[in-house]
N, C-alpha and C. Protein backbone atom coordinates (compact mmCIF):
# COMPACT_ATOMS: atom_id res chain seq x y z
N PRO A 1 -47.82 83.31 75.48
CA PRO A 1 -47.96 84.42 74.54
C PRO A 1 -49.35 85.05 74.64
N TRP A 2 -49.41 86.37 74.42
CA TRP A 2 -50.68 87.09 74.57
C TRP A 2 -51.75 86.55 73.63
N ALA A 3 -51.37 86.17 72.40
CA ALA A 3 -52.36 85.66 71.44
C ALA A 3 -53.03 84.40 71.96
N VAL A 4 -52.25 83.53 72.59
CA VAL A 4 -52.80 82.29 73.14
C VAL A 4 -53.73 82.60 74.30
N VAL A 5 -53.32 83.54 75.15
CA VAL A 5 -54.13 83.92 76.31
C VAL A 5 -55.45 84.50 75.88
N THR A 6 -55.41 85.47 74.93
CA THR A 6 -56.64 86.13 74.50
C THR A 6 -57.59 85.16 73.82
N ARG A 7 -57.05 84.24 73.03
CA ARG A 7 -57.91 83.27 72.35
C ARG A 7 -58.56 82.34 73.38
N ALA A 8 -57.80 81.91 74.36
CA ALA A 8 -58.34 81.02 75.39
C ALA A 8 -59.41 81.72 76.21
N VAL A 9 -59.18 82.99 76.53
CA VAL A 9 -60.18 83.76 77.29
C VAL A 9 -61.44 83.92 76.48
N GLN A 10 -61.28 84.22 75.18
CA GLN A 10 -62.45 84.38 74.32
C GLN A 10 -63.27 83.10 74.26
N VAL A 11 -62.60 81.97 74.09
CA VAL A 11 -63.29 80.68 74.02
C VAL A 11 -64.01 80.40 75.33
N SER A 12 -63.35 80.71 76.46
CA SER A 12 -63.95 80.47 77.77
C SER A 12 -65.20 81.31 77.97
N LEU A 13 -65.15 82.59 77.60
CA LEU A 13 -66.30 83.48 77.77
C LEU A 13 -67.45 83.09 76.87
N VAL A 14 -67.13 82.74 75.61
CA VAL A 14 -68.18 82.33 74.67
C VAL A 14 -68.85 81.06 75.15
N ALA A 15 -68.05 80.11 75.64
CA ALA A 15 -68.61 78.84 76.13
C ALA A 15 -69.52 79.08 77.33
N GLU A 16 -69.12 80.00 78.20
CA GLU A 16 -69.94 80.29 79.38
C GLU A 16 -71.27 80.93 78.99
N GLU A 17 -71.23 81.86 78.02
CA GLU A 17 -72.46 82.50 77.56
C GLU A 17 -73.37 81.49 76.86
N ARG A 18 -72.76 80.59 76.07
CA ARG A 18 -73.54 79.55 75.38
C ARG A 18 -74.18 78.61 76.40
N ALA A 19 -73.44 78.29 77.45
CA ALA A 19 -73.97 77.39 78.48
C ALA A 19 -75.18 78.02 79.16
N ALA A 20 -75.12 79.33 79.41
CA ALA A 20 -76.25 80.02 80.03
C ALA A 20 -77.47 80.00 79.11
N GLY A 21 -77.22 80.17 77.81
CA GLY A 21 -78.33 80.18 76.86
C GLY A 21 -78.93 78.81 76.63
N LEU A 22 -78.08 77.79 76.65
CA LEU A 22 -78.54 76.42 76.39
C LEU A 22 -79.00 75.70 77.66
N LEU A 23 -78.82 76.36 78.80
CA LEU A 23 -79.18 75.75 80.09
C LEU A 23 -78.43 74.44 80.32
N CYS A 24 -77.12 74.49 80.08
CA CYS A 24 -76.30 73.29 80.27
C CYS A 24 -74.98 73.71 80.91
N SER A 25 -74.10 72.76 81.14
CA SER A 25 -72.81 73.07 81.75
C SER A 25 -71.88 73.67 80.70
N THR A 26 -70.82 74.35 81.19
CA THR A 26 -69.84 74.94 80.28
C THR A 26 -69.15 73.86 79.45
N ALA A 27 -68.87 72.72 80.07
CA ALA A 27 -68.22 71.61 79.36
C ALA A 27 -69.08 71.12 78.20
N GLN A 28 -70.39 71.01 78.43
CA GLN A 28 -71.29 70.57 77.35
C GLN A 28 -71.37 71.62 76.25
N ALA A 29 -71.35 72.90 76.62
CA ALA A 29 -71.44 73.97 75.63
C ALA A 29 -70.23 74.00 74.71
N ARG A 30 -69.10 73.47 75.16
CA ARG A 30 -67.88 73.45 74.35
C ARG A 30 -67.91 72.35 73.28
N ARG A 31 -68.81 71.38 73.43
CA ARG A 31 -68.81 70.24 72.52
C ARG A 31 -69.28 70.62 71.12
N ARG A 32 -68.74 69.94 70.13
CA ARG A 32 -69.04 70.24 68.73
C ARG A 32 -70.52 70.09 68.41
N GLU A 33 -71.18 69.11 69.03
CA GLU A 33 -72.58 68.84 68.68
C GLU A 33 -73.54 69.93 69.15
N THR A 34 -73.08 70.84 70.01
CA THR A 34 -73.98 71.90 70.50
C THR A 34 -73.87 73.18 69.67
N ARG A 35 -72.98 73.22 68.70
CA ARG A 35 -72.73 74.46 67.96
C ARG A 35 -73.96 74.97 67.22
N ASP A 36 -74.76 74.06 66.67
CA ASP A 36 -75.90 74.48 65.86
C ASP A 36 -77.18 74.64 66.67
N ARG A 37 -77.12 74.43 67.95
CA ARG A 37 -78.32 74.54 68.77
C ARG A 37 -78.57 76.00 69.17
N HIS A 38 -79.85 76.38 69.18
CA HIS A 38 -80.20 77.75 69.56
C HIS A 38 -80.43 77.82 71.07
N ASP A 39 -80.39 79.04 71.60
CA ASP A 39 -80.62 79.23 73.03
C ASP A 39 -82.04 78.82 73.41
N ALA A 40 -82.19 78.34 74.62
CA ALA A 40 -83.52 77.96 75.11
C ALA A 40 -84.40 79.21 75.22
N ARG A 41 -85.63 79.09 74.72
CA ARG A 41 -86.57 80.22 74.79
C ARG A 41 -87.96 79.69 75.14
N ARG A 42 -88.70 80.53 75.86
CA ARG A 42 -90.07 80.16 76.20
C ARG A 42 -90.99 80.47 75.02
N PHE A 43 -92.03 79.66 74.85
CA PHE A 43 -92.99 79.92 73.79
C PHE A 43 -93.60 81.32 73.92
N SER A 44 -93.78 81.78 75.15
CA SER A 44 -94.42 83.07 75.37
C SER A 44 -93.57 84.25 74.92
N GLU A 45 -92.28 84.00 74.60
CA GLU A 45 -91.41 85.08 74.15
C GLU A 45 -91.69 85.47 72.71
N TYR A 46 -92.39 84.64 71.96
CA TYR A 46 -92.67 84.91 70.55
C TYR A 46 -94.01 85.61 70.39
N GLU A 47 -94.04 86.64 69.53
CA GLU A 47 -95.30 87.32 69.24
C GLU A 47 -96.19 86.42 68.40
N THR A 48 -95.57 85.63 67.51
CA THR A 48 -96.31 84.70 66.67
C THR A 48 -96.20 83.31 67.25
N ASP A 49 -97.24 82.52 67.11
CA ASP A 49 -97.22 81.15 67.61
C ASP A 49 -96.01 80.42 67.03
N VAL A 50 -95.18 79.84 67.89
CA VAL A 50 -93.95 79.19 67.45
C VAL A 50 -94.21 78.10 66.42
N VAL A 51 -95.36 77.45 66.48
CA VAL A 51 -95.67 76.37 65.53
C VAL A 51 -95.75 76.89 64.11
N GLU A 52 -96.06 78.17 63.94
CA GLU A 52 -96.27 78.73 62.61
C GLU A 52 -94.98 78.99 61.85
N PHE A 53 -93.87 79.16 62.58
CA PHE A 53 -92.65 79.54 61.85
C PHE A 53 -91.40 78.74 62.21
N HIS A 54 -91.41 78.03 63.32
CA HIS A 54 -90.18 77.33 63.71
C HIS A 54 -89.91 76.16 62.77
N PRO A 55 -88.64 76.03 62.27
CA PRO A 55 -88.30 74.98 61.30
C PRO A 55 -88.66 73.57 61.74
N VAL A 56 -88.57 73.28 63.03
CA VAL A 56 -88.82 71.92 63.48
C VAL A 56 -90.26 71.48 63.26
N PHE A 57 -91.17 72.43 63.08
CA PHE A 57 -92.58 72.09 62.89
C PHE A 57 -93.00 72.11 61.43
N ARG A 58 -92.07 72.36 60.51
CA ARG A 58 -92.42 72.38 59.10
C ARG A 58 -92.63 70.96 58.58
N THR A 59 -93.59 70.82 57.70
CA THR A 59 -93.91 69.49 57.18
C THR A 59 -93.27 69.22 55.84
N ALA A 60 -92.78 70.25 55.17
CA ALA A 60 -92.15 70.05 53.87
C ALA A 60 -90.94 70.96 53.76
N ALA A 61 -89.88 70.45 53.14
CA ALA A 61 -88.68 71.25 52.98
C ALA A 61 -88.82 72.14 51.76
N ALA A 62 -88.01 73.18 51.70
CA ALA A 62 -88.01 74.07 50.54
C ALA A 62 -87.50 73.30 49.34
N PRO A 63 -87.87 73.71 48.10
CA PRO A 63 -87.44 73.02 46.89
C PRO A 63 -85.94 72.86 46.81
N ASP A 64 -85.21 73.88 47.15
CA ASP A 64 -83.76 73.73 47.18
C ASP A 64 -83.25 74.34 48.48
N GLY A 65 -82.27 73.71 49.05
CA GLY A 65 -81.76 74.16 50.35
C GLY A 65 -80.51 74.97 50.23
N ILE A 66 -80.36 75.67 49.09
CA ILE A 66 -79.16 76.45 48.86
C ILE A 66 -79.01 77.52 49.93
N GLY A 67 -77.86 77.54 50.54
CA GLY A 67 -77.57 78.57 51.54
C GLY A 67 -78.06 78.24 52.94
N ASP A 68 -78.76 77.11 53.12
CA ASP A 68 -79.29 76.79 54.44
C ASP A 68 -78.20 76.57 55.47
N ASP A 69 -77.04 76.08 55.00
CA ASP A 69 -75.97 75.75 55.93
C ASP A 69 -74.98 76.89 56.13
N GLU A 70 -75.20 78.04 55.48
CA GLU A 70 -74.27 79.14 55.60
C GLU A 70 -74.48 79.84 56.94
N PRO A 71 -73.42 80.22 57.61
CA PRO A 71 -73.57 80.90 58.89
C PRO A 71 -74.20 82.27 58.72
N ALA A 72 -75.03 82.66 59.69
CA ALA A 72 -75.69 83.96 59.61
C ALA A 72 -74.68 85.07 59.80
N ALA A 73 -74.87 86.15 59.05
CA ALA A 73 -73.97 87.29 59.17
C ALA A 73 -74.24 88.02 60.47
N ASP A 74 -73.21 88.66 60.99
CA ASP A 74 -73.39 89.44 62.20
C ASP A 74 -74.34 90.60 61.92
N ALA A 75 -75.17 90.94 62.87
CA ALA A 75 -76.15 92.01 62.68
C ALA A 75 -75.44 93.30 62.28
N GLY A 76 -75.86 93.86 61.15
CA GLY A 76 -75.26 95.09 60.65
C GLY A 76 -73.94 94.86 59.95
N GLY A 77 -73.47 93.60 59.88
CA GLY A 77 -72.22 93.31 59.20
C GLY A 77 -70.99 93.81 59.95
N SER A 78 -71.11 94.16 61.21
CA SER A 78 -69.99 94.70 61.96
C SER A 78 -69.06 93.58 62.43
N ARG A 79 -67.77 93.92 62.56
CA ARG A 79 -66.78 92.94 62.98
C ARG A 79 -66.88 92.72 64.49
N LEU A 80 -66.73 91.48 64.91
CA LEU A 80 -66.83 91.15 66.33
C LEU A 80 -65.63 91.69 67.10
N THR A 81 -65.86 92.07 68.34
CA THR A 81 -64.79 92.58 69.20
C THR A 81 -63.92 91.43 69.69
N THR A 82 -62.60 91.59 69.61
CA THR A 82 -61.69 90.56 70.09
C THR A 82 -61.44 90.76 71.59
N VAL A 83 -60.88 89.75 72.23
CA VAL A 83 -60.58 89.85 73.65
C VAL A 83 -59.54 90.94 73.90
N ALA A 84 -58.55 91.04 73.00
CA ALA A 84 -57.52 92.07 73.15
C ALA A 84 -58.14 93.46 73.10
N GLU A 85 -59.06 93.67 72.17
CA GLU A 85 -59.74 94.97 72.06
C GLU A 85 -60.59 95.24 73.30
N ALA A 86 -61.29 94.22 73.77
CA ALA A 86 -62.12 94.38 74.97
C ALA A 86 -61.25 94.74 76.17
N ALA A 87 -60.10 94.08 76.29
CA ALA A 87 -59.18 94.37 77.40
C ALA A 87 -58.64 95.80 77.30
N ASP A 88 -58.32 96.24 76.08
CA ASP A 88 -57.81 97.60 75.88
C ASP A 88 -58.85 98.64 76.29
N ARG A 89 -60.11 98.40 75.95
CA ARG A 89 -61.18 99.34 76.31
C ARG A 89 -61.40 99.35 77.82
N LEU A 90 -61.29 98.18 78.41
CA LEU A 90 -61.43 98.06 79.86
C LEU A 90 -60.34 98.86 80.56
N ILE A 91 -59.11 98.71 80.09
CA ILE A 91 -57.98 99.43 80.66
C ILE A 91 -58.17 100.94 80.48
N ALA A 92 -58.60 101.35 79.28
CA ALA A 92 -58.81 102.78 79.00
C ALA A 92 -59.85 103.38 79.94
N LEU A 93 -60.90 102.62 80.23
CA LEU A 93 -61.95 103.09 81.13
C LEU A 93 -61.39 103.34 82.53
N PHE A 94 -60.62 102.39 83.05
CA PHE A 94 -60.08 102.54 84.40
C PHE A 94 -59.03 103.66 84.47
N VAL A 95 -58.21 103.79 83.43
CA VAL A 95 -57.20 104.85 83.40
C VAL A 95 -57.89 106.22 83.38
N ALA A 96 -58.96 106.34 82.59
CA ALA A 96 -59.69 107.61 82.51
C ALA A 96 -60.31 108.00 83.84
N LEU A 97 -60.53 107.01 84.70
CA LEU A 97 -61.18 107.27 85.98
C LEU A 97 -60.23 107.21 87.17
N GLY A 98 -58.92 107.36 86.89
CA GLY A 98 -57.97 107.55 87.98
C GLY A 98 -57.00 106.44 88.28
N TRP A 99 -57.13 105.30 87.61
CA TRP A 99 -56.20 104.20 87.86
C TRP A 99 -54.92 104.43 87.06
N ALA A 100 -53.78 104.03 87.62
CA ALA A 100 -52.51 104.14 86.92
C ALA A 100 -52.48 103.16 85.75
N ASP A 101 -52.01 103.63 84.60
CA ASP A 101 -52.00 102.82 83.38
C ASP A 101 -51.27 101.49 83.60
N ASN A 102 -50.06 101.54 84.14
CA ASN A 102 -49.27 100.33 84.33
C ASN A 102 -49.94 99.36 85.30
N THR A 103 -50.54 99.90 86.35
CA THR A 103 -51.18 99.05 87.37
C THR A 103 -52.36 98.29 86.79
N VAL A 104 -53.27 98.99 86.13
CA VAL A 104 -54.47 98.33 85.62
C VAL A 104 -54.15 97.44 84.43
N THR A 105 -53.14 97.79 83.63
CA THR A 105 -52.74 96.94 82.50
C THR A 105 -52.22 95.60 83.01
N CYS A 106 -51.33 95.65 83.99
CA CYS A 106 -50.79 94.41 84.57
C CYS A 106 -51.90 93.60 85.25
N ALA A 107 -52.81 94.30 85.92
CA ALA A 107 -53.89 93.62 86.63
C ALA A 107 -54.83 92.91 85.66
N VAL A 108 -55.21 93.59 84.58
CA VAL A 108 -56.12 92.98 83.60
C VAL A 108 -55.44 91.80 82.91
N ASP A 109 -54.16 91.94 82.57
CA ASP A 109 -53.43 90.83 81.97
C ASP A 109 -53.39 89.63 82.91
N TYR A 110 -53.17 89.90 84.19
CA TYR A 110 -53.10 88.83 85.19
C TYR A 110 -54.45 88.14 85.34
N ILE A 111 -55.52 88.94 85.39
CA ILE A 111 -56.87 88.38 85.50
C ILE A 111 -57.20 87.52 84.30
N CYS A 112 -56.85 87.99 83.10
CA CYS A 112 -57.14 87.23 81.88
C CYS A 112 -56.37 85.91 81.85
N SER A 113 -55.12 85.94 82.33
CA SER A 113 -54.33 84.70 82.34
C SER A 113 -54.93 83.67 83.30
N ARG A 114 -55.46 84.13 84.44
CA ARG A 114 -56.09 83.21 85.38
C ARG A 114 -57.45 82.74 84.87
N LEU A 115 -58.13 83.61 84.15
CA LEU A 115 -59.42 83.22 83.57
C LEU A 115 -59.22 82.10 82.55
N MET A 116 -58.11 82.16 81.82
CA MET A 116 -57.80 81.13 80.84
C MET A 116 -57.64 79.76 81.51
N GLU A 117 -57.14 79.75 82.74
CA GLU A 117 -56.88 78.50 83.44
C GLU A 117 -58.09 77.98 84.21
N SER A 118 -59.14 78.78 84.29
CA SER A 118 -60.31 78.41 85.10
C SER A 118 -61.45 77.89 84.24
N ARG A 119 -62.42 77.26 84.89
CA ARG A 119 -63.57 76.70 84.18
C ARG A 119 -64.50 77.80 83.68
N ASN A 120 -64.64 78.86 84.46
CA ASN A 120 -65.54 79.95 84.11
C ASN A 120 -65.16 81.18 84.92
N ARG A 121 -65.92 82.27 84.74
CA ARG A 121 -65.60 83.51 85.44
C ARG A 121 -65.75 83.39 86.95
N ALA A 122 -66.78 82.67 87.39
CA ALA A 122 -67.00 82.52 88.84
C ALA A 122 -65.82 81.80 89.49
N ALA A 123 -65.32 80.75 88.82
CA ALA A 123 -64.17 80.01 89.35
C ALA A 123 -62.92 80.89 89.37
N ALA A 124 -62.75 81.68 88.30
CA ALA A 124 -61.59 82.58 88.23
C ALA A 124 -61.67 83.63 89.34
N HIS A 125 -62.87 84.15 89.57
CA HIS A 125 -63.06 85.15 90.62
C HIS A 125 -62.72 84.57 91.99
N SER A 126 -63.19 83.36 92.25
CA SER A 126 -62.92 82.71 93.53
C SER A 126 -61.42 82.48 93.73
N LEU A 127 -60.74 82.05 92.66
CA LEU A 127 -59.30 81.80 92.72
C LEU A 127 -58.53 83.10 92.98
N LEU A 128 -58.88 84.13 92.21
CA LEU A 128 -58.15 85.39 92.31
C LEU A 128 -58.42 86.12 93.63
N ARG A 129 -59.61 85.98 94.16
CA ARG A 129 -59.96 86.64 95.41
C ARG A 129 -59.05 86.17 96.55
N ARG A 130 -58.62 84.91 96.48
CA ARG A 130 -57.75 84.34 97.52
C ARG A 130 -56.27 84.42 97.15
N ASP A 131 -55.96 84.99 96.00
CA ASP A 131 -54.59 85.04 95.50
C ASP A 131 -53.82 86.20 96.14
N GLN A 132 -53.23 85.95 97.28
CA GLN A 132 -52.48 86.99 98.00
C GLN A 132 -51.19 87.35 97.27
N VAL A 133 -50.56 86.38 96.63
CA VAL A 133 -49.30 86.62 95.93
C VAL A 133 -49.51 87.56 94.75
N GLY A 134 -50.55 87.27 93.96
CA GLY A 134 -50.85 88.12 92.82
C GLY A 134 -51.20 89.54 93.23
N ARG A 135 -51.99 89.67 94.28
CA ARG A 135 -52.38 91.00 94.77
C ARG A 135 -51.16 91.78 95.26
N ALA A 136 -50.26 91.08 95.95
CA ALA A 136 -49.04 91.74 96.44
C ALA A 136 -48.15 92.15 95.27
N PHE A 137 -48.06 91.30 94.26
CA PHE A 137 -47.24 91.61 93.08
C PHE A 137 -47.76 92.87 92.38
N LEU A 138 -49.09 93.01 92.34
CA LEU A 138 -49.71 94.17 91.68
C LEU A 138 -49.76 95.38 92.60
N ASP A 139 -49.38 95.19 93.88
CA ASP A 139 -49.35 96.27 94.87
C ASP A 139 -50.71 96.93 95.03
N LEU A 140 -51.74 96.10 95.19
CA LEU A 140 -53.10 96.59 95.37
C LEU A 140 -53.60 96.22 96.76
N ASP A 141 -54.30 97.15 97.40
CA ASP A 141 -54.89 96.82 98.69
C ASP A 141 -56.10 95.92 98.47
N ARG A 142 -56.58 95.31 99.54
CA ARG A 142 -57.66 94.32 99.44
C ARG A 142 -58.93 94.93 98.83
N SER A 143 -59.25 96.16 99.21
CA SER A 143 -60.47 96.79 98.71
C SER A 143 -60.42 97.05 97.21
N SER A 144 -59.29 97.60 96.73
CA SER A 144 -59.14 97.87 95.30
C SER A 144 -59.16 96.58 94.49
N TRP A 145 -58.50 95.55 95.01
CA TRP A 145 -58.43 94.26 94.33
C TRP A 145 -59.81 93.61 94.24
N SER A 146 -60.55 93.62 95.33
CA SER A 146 -61.88 93.02 95.34
C SER A 146 -62.83 93.73 94.37
N THR A 147 -62.78 95.06 94.37
CA THR A 147 -63.64 95.83 93.47
C THR A 147 -63.26 95.58 92.02
N LEU A 148 -61.96 95.55 91.73
CA LEU A 148 -61.50 95.30 90.37
C LEU A 148 -61.98 93.95 89.87
N LEU A 149 -61.85 92.92 90.68
CA LEU A 149 -62.28 91.58 90.29
C LEU A 149 -63.78 91.54 90.02
N ARG A 150 -64.55 92.16 90.89
CA ARG A 150 -66.00 92.14 90.73
C ARG A 150 -66.44 92.89 89.48
N LEU A 151 -65.80 94.02 89.20
CA LEU A 151 -66.20 94.81 88.03
C LEU A 151 -65.74 94.16 86.73
N VAL A 152 -64.56 93.58 86.73
CA VAL A 152 -64.02 92.97 85.50
C VAL A 152 -64.69 91.64 85.18
N LEU A 153 -64.78 90.76 86.17
CA LEU A 153 -65.30 89.41 85.95
C LEU A 153 -66.80 89.28 86.23
N GLY A 154 -67.37 90.26 86.91
CA GLY A 154 -68.79 90.19 87.23
C GLY A 154 -69.02 89.80 88.67
N ASN A 155 -70.16 90.22 89.19
CA ASN A 155 -70.54 89.89 90.57
C ASN A 155 -70.92 88.40 90.64
N PRO A 156 -70.23 87.60 91.45
CA PRO A 156 -70.49 86.15 91.49
C PRO A 156 -71.73 85.75 92.27
N GLU A 157 -72.39 86.71 92.92
CA GLU A 157 -73.58 86.37 93.71
C GLU A 157 -74.67 85.79 92.82
N PRO A 158 -75.33 84.70 93.24
CA PRO A 158 -76.39 84.06 92.42
C PRO A 158 -77.48 85.03 91.97
N GLY A 159 -77.82 85.99 92.82
CA GLY A 159 -78.87 86.93 92.48
C GLY A 159 -78.49 87.89 91.37
N GLN A 160 -77.19 88.01 91.08
CA GLN A 160 -76.72 88.92 90.04
C GLN A 160 -76.52 88.22 88.69
N ARG A 161 -76.71 86.92 88.67
CA ARG A 161 -76.49 86.15 87.44
C ARG A 161 -77.44 86.62 86.34
N GLY A 162 -76.91 86.88 85.18
CA GLY A 162 -77.74 87.33 84.06
C GLY A 162 -77.91 88.84 83.98
N THR A 163 -77.43 89.58 85.00
CA THR A 163 -77.51 91.04 84.98
C THR A 163 -76.21 91.62 84.43
N ARG A 164 -76.22 92.93 84.15
CA ARG A 164 -74.99 93.58 83.68
C ARG A 164 -73.88 93.44 84.71
N ALA A 165 -74.23 93.64 85.98
CA ALA A 165 -73.24 93.51 87.04
C ALA A 165 -72.70 92.09 87.12
N GLY A 166 -73.55 91.12 86.83
CA GLY A 166 -73.14 89.72 86.88
C GLY A 166 -72.25 89.33 85.72
N HIS A 167 -72.46 89.94 84.56
CA HIS A 167 -71.64 89.61 83.39
C HIS A 167 -70.22 90.16 83.53
N GLY A 168 -70.08 91.35 84.09
CA GLY A 168 -68.77 91.95 84.23
C GLY A 168 -68.38 92.77 83.01
N LEU A 169 -67.48 93.73 83.22
CA LEU A 169 -67.10 94.66 82.15
C LEU A 169 -66.36 93.98 81.00
N LEU A 170 -65.53 92.98 81.29
CA LEU A 170 -64.79 92.31 80.22
C LEU A 170 -65.75 91.66 79.23
N ALA A 171 -66.75 90.95 79.74
CA ALA A 171 -67.73 90.30 78.87
C ALA A 171 -68.58 91.33 78.12
N LEU A 172 -68.92 92.43 78.78
CA LEU A 172 -69.74 93.46 78.14
C LEU A 172 -68.97 94.15 77.03
N PHE A 173 -67.70 94.44 77.25
CA PHE A 173 -66.87 95.02 76.19
C PHE A 173 -66.71 94.03 75.04
N LEU A 174 -66.58 92.76 75.36
CA LEU A 174 -66.46 91.73 74.34
C LEU A 174 -67.72 91.66 73.48
N CYS A 175 -68.86 92.00 74.07
CA CYS A 175 -70.13 92.01 73.34
C CYS A 175 -70.34 93.29 72.54
N GLY A 176 -69.37 94.21 72.60
CA GLY A 176 -69.44 95.40 71.77
C GLY A 176 -69.90 96.68 72.44
N HIS A 177 -70.11 96.66 73.76
CA HIS A 177 -70.54 97.88 74.44
C HIS A 177 -69.41 98.91 74.41
N PRO A 178 -69.71 100.18 74.10
CA PRO A 178 -68.67 101.22 74.01
C PRO A 178 -68.29 101.79 75.37
N VAL A 179 -67.09 102.37 75.45
CA VAL A 179 -66.61 102.97 76.69
C VAL A 179 -67.55 104.09 77.15
N ALA A 180 -68.06 104.88 76.19
CA ALA A 180 -68.94 106.01 76.53
C ALA A 180 -70.17 105.57 77.31
N GLU A 181 -70.65 104.37 77.04
CA GLU A 181 -71.83 103.87 77.74
C GLU A 181 -71.57 103.73 79.24
N PHE A 182 -70.38 103.29 79.59
CA PHE A 182 -70.05 103.09 81.00
C PHE A 182 -69.65 104.41 81.68
N LEU A 183 -69.10 105.34 80.90
CA LEU A 183 -68.77 106.65 81.45
C LEU A 183 -70.03 107.43 81.80
N ALA A 184 -71.16 107.05 81.21
CA ALA A 184 -72.43 107.71 81.50
C ALA A 184 -73.12 107.11 82.72
N ASP A 185 -72.55 106.04 83.26
CA ASP A 185 -73.11 105.38 84.45
C ASP A 185 -72.45 105.99 85.69
N ASP A 186 -73.14 106.93 86.33
CA ASP A 186 -72.56 107.66 87.46
C ASP A 186 -72.11 106.75 88.60
N ALA A 187 -72.92 105.74 88.90
CA ALA A 187 -72.58 104.84 90.00
C ALA A 187 -71.31 104.05 89.70
N LEU A 188 -71.18 103.59 88.45
CA LEU A 188 -69.99 102.83 88.05
C LEU A 188 -68.77 103.73 88.05
N VAL A 189 -68.91 104.93 87.51
CA VAL A 189 -67.80 105.89 87.47
C VAL A 189 -67.30 106.17 88.88
N ARG A 190 -68.21 106.40 89.81
CA ARG A 190 -67.83 106.68 91.19
C ARG A 190 -67.13 105.48 91.83
N GLU A 191 -67.64 104.28 91.55
CA GLU A 191 -67.05 103.08 92.15
C GLU A 191 -65.63 102.84 91.64
N ILE A 192 -65.42 103.02 90.33
CA ILE A 192 -64.08 102.83 89.77
C ILE A 192 -63.13 103.88 90.31
N SER A 193 -63.58 105.14 90.34
CA SER A 193 -62.73 106.23 90.81
C SER A 193 -62.33 106.05 92.27
N GLU A 194 -63.30 105.68 93.10
CA GLU A 194 -63.03 105.54 94.53
C GLU A 194 -62.21 104.30 94.86
N SER A 195 -62.19 103.33 93.95
CA SER A 195 -61.42 102.11 94.20
C SER A 195 -59.99 102.20 93.68
N ALA A 196 -59.66 103.31 93.00
CA ALA A 196 -58.29 103.47 92.49
C ALA A 196 -57.31 103.46 93.66
N PRO A 197 -56.15 102.81 93.50
CA PRO A 197 -55.16 102.78 94.58
C PRO A 197 -54.83 104.19 95.05
N ALA A 198 -54.54 104.35 96.32
CA ALA A 198 -54.31 105.67 96.92
C ALA A 198 -53.20 106.44 96.21
N ILE A 199 -52.13 105.75 95.82
CA ILE A 199 -51.01 106.42 95.15
C ILE A 199 -51.47 107.02 93.83
N ALA A 200 -52.30 106.27 93.09
CA ALA A 200 -52.79 106.77 91.80
C ALA A 200 -53.70 107.97 92.01
N ARG A 201 -54.51 107.95 93.07
CA ARG A 201 -55.41 109.07 93.33
C ARG A 201 -54.62 110.33 93.68
N ARG A 202 -53.54 110.17 94.46
CA ARG A 202 -52.72 111.33 94.83
C ARG A 202 -52.00 111.89 93.61
N ALA A 203 -51.55 111.00 92.71
CA ALA A 203 -50.82 111.44 91.53
C ALA A 203 -51.70 112.22 90.58
N SER A 204 -52.99 111.84 90.51
CA SER A 204 -53.91 112.50 89.58
C SER A 204 -54.55 113.74 90.17
N ALA A 205 -54.34 113.96 91.48
CA ALA A 205 -54.97 115.11 92.15
C ALA A 205 -54.26 116.41 91.77
């Protein structure tokens, strides 16, 4: 069911981002004991000396700890983007730039289902890149398929890790980035348009 797939994908992406922040493996990031840990940060990242404000260096607790255990509200009180919403925005972006609606919808659904079964995005990318059956089912040539995987799941090259290209559009949409932001990226727009299957390009011409 789609609800199960989207929830599993969301959990997988969140765990991967947490692992990057905590400098640990994805498996460790999924554990309950890591939920309250903050991302690793260098002392030099703080304008104020960390000793002056970080809770671990305090010598006395506040008189009452009311509210200390309450989860922090999302910045601005905005609702978090779901995986289904992120996938819909991703599909809308590709359709606006020349991809056939049915083709990209089936492709994104297929990618998300494989992502659910994989350890992380890099593993899913490696699996899908060699998936000749899936590519044939979606009727995509090798070039369109490779570009789609790289843009959706992120560039797997080590040098791209931590960059926008490395995160991939699905993760960026999940983090709340709007479609308009990517439509303003001329290089991305050109890459998506030029990677559209030939049939879709002829139909939109």
